[in-house]
Amino acid sequence: IVLGFRISKSQQLSNWDAEALSEPQKLYAATDAWACYKIYSELQNYRLK
């Protein structure tokens, strides 16, 4: 685990085609984007060592 904790994937299979996203879907999307950035940063730091 790169970040040191697990991120819930419970919204991953929810209805992303809905006209409006639910608050849990919005949180999931934001967290997923943030996690991608953090993992990229950690891998860049690892590569530079």
C-alpha atoms as a PDB file:
ATOM      1  CA  ILE A   1       0.000   0.000   0.000  1.00  0.00           C
ATOM      2  CA  VAL A   2       1.711   3.148  -1.212  1.00  0.00           C
ATOM      3  CA  LEU A   3      -0.307   5.666   0.807  1.00  0.00           C
ATOM      4  CA  GLY A   4      -0.330   3.706   4.053  1.00  0.00           C
ATOM      5  CA  PHE A   5      -4.113   3.244   4.136  1.00  0.00           C
ATOM      6  CA  ARG A   6      -6.934   1.785   2.079  1.00  0.00           C
ATOM      7  CA  ILE A   7      -9.449   3.840   0.117  1.00  0.00           C
ATOM      8  CA  SER A   8     -13.037   2.626  -0.032  1.00  0.00           C
ATOM      9  CA  LYS A   9     -14.116   1.468  -3.478  1.00  0.00           C
ATOM     10  CA  SER A  10     -17.790   1.019  -2.536  1.00  0.00           C
ATOM     11  CA  GLN A  11     -18.944   3.636  -5.069  1.00  0.00           C
ATOM     12  CA  GLN A  12     -16.870   2.220  -7.902  1.00  0.00           C
ATOM     13  CA  LEU A  13     -19.756   0.202  -9.355  1.00  0.00           C
ATOM     14  CA  SER A  14     -22.533   2.679  -8.609  1.00  0.00           C
ATOM     15  CA  ASN A  15     -24.574   4.358 -11.365  1.00  0.00           C
ATOM     16  CA  TRP A  16     -22.167   6.858 -12.915  1.00  0.00           C
ATOM     17  CA  ASP A  17     -24.604   7.481 -15.781  1.00  0.00           C
ATOM     18  CA  ALA A  18     -27.108   9.169 -13.480  1.00  0.00           C
ATOM     19  CA  GLU A  19     -28.024  12.749 -14.358  1.00  0.00           C
ATOM     20  CA  ALA A  20     -26.653  13.954 -11.016  1.00  0.00           C
ATOM     21  CA  LEU A  21     -23.934  12.265  -8.986  1.00  0.00           C
ATOM     22  CA  SER A  22     -24.639  11.473  -5.358  1.00  0.00           C
ATOM     23  CA  GLU A  23     -22.486  13.007  -2.629  1.00  0.00           C
ATOM     24  CA  PRO A  24     -20.731   9.651  -2.009  1.00  0.00           C
ATOM     25  CA  GLN A  25     -19.948   9.439  -5.746  1.00  0.00           C
ATOM     26  CA  LYS A  26     -18.518  12.964  -5.727  1.00  0.00           C
ATOM     27  CA  LEU A  27     -16.378  12.125  -2.705  1.00  0.00           C
ATOM     28  CA  TYR A  28     -15.212   8.900  -4.343  1.00  0.00           C
ATOM     29  CA  ALA A  29     -14.279  10.722  -7.570  1.00  0.00           C
ATOM     30  CA  ALA A  30     -12.364  13.423  -5.707  1.00  0.00           C
ATOM     31  CA  THR A  31     -10.598  10.882  -3.492  1.00  0.00           C
ATOM     32  CA  ASP A  32      -9.697   8.716  -6.489  1.00  0.00           C
ATOM     33  CA  ALA A  33      -8.164  11.694  -8.320  1.00  0.00           C
ATOM     34  CA  TRP A  34      -6.267  12.746  -5.179  1.00  0.00           C
ATOM     35  CA  ALA A  35      -4.995   9.184  -4.645  1.00  0.00           C
ATOM     36  CA  CYS A  36      -3.702   9.005  -8.223  1.00  0.00           C
ATOM     37  CA  TYR A  37      -1.760  12.222  -7.688  1.00  0.00           C
ATOM     38  CA  LYS A  38      -0.348  11.028  -4.339  1.00  0.00           C
ATOM     39  CA  ILE A  39       0.699   7.657  -5.777  1.00  0.00           C
ATOM     40  CA  TYR A  40       2.375   9.388  -8.726  1.00  0.00           C
ATOM     41  CA  SER A  41       4.225  11.707  -6.333  1.00  0.00           C
ATOM     42  CA  GLU A  42       5.371   8.803  -4.168  1.00  0.00           C
ATOM     43  CA  LEU A  43       6.612   6.883  -7.208  1.00  0.00           C
ATOM     44  CA  GLN A  44       8.484   9.954  -8.458  1.00  0.00           C
ATOM     45  CA  ASN A  45      10.139  10.348  -5.043  1.00  0.00           C
ATOM     46  CA  TYR A  46      11.048   6.646  -5.027  1.00  0.00           C
ATOM     47  CA  ARG A  47      12.544   6.927  -8.502  1.00  0.00           C
ATOM     48  CA  LEU A  48      14.714   9.895  -7.483  1.00  0.00           C
ATOM     49  CA  LYS A  49      16.245   8.070  -4.500  1.00  0.00           C
END
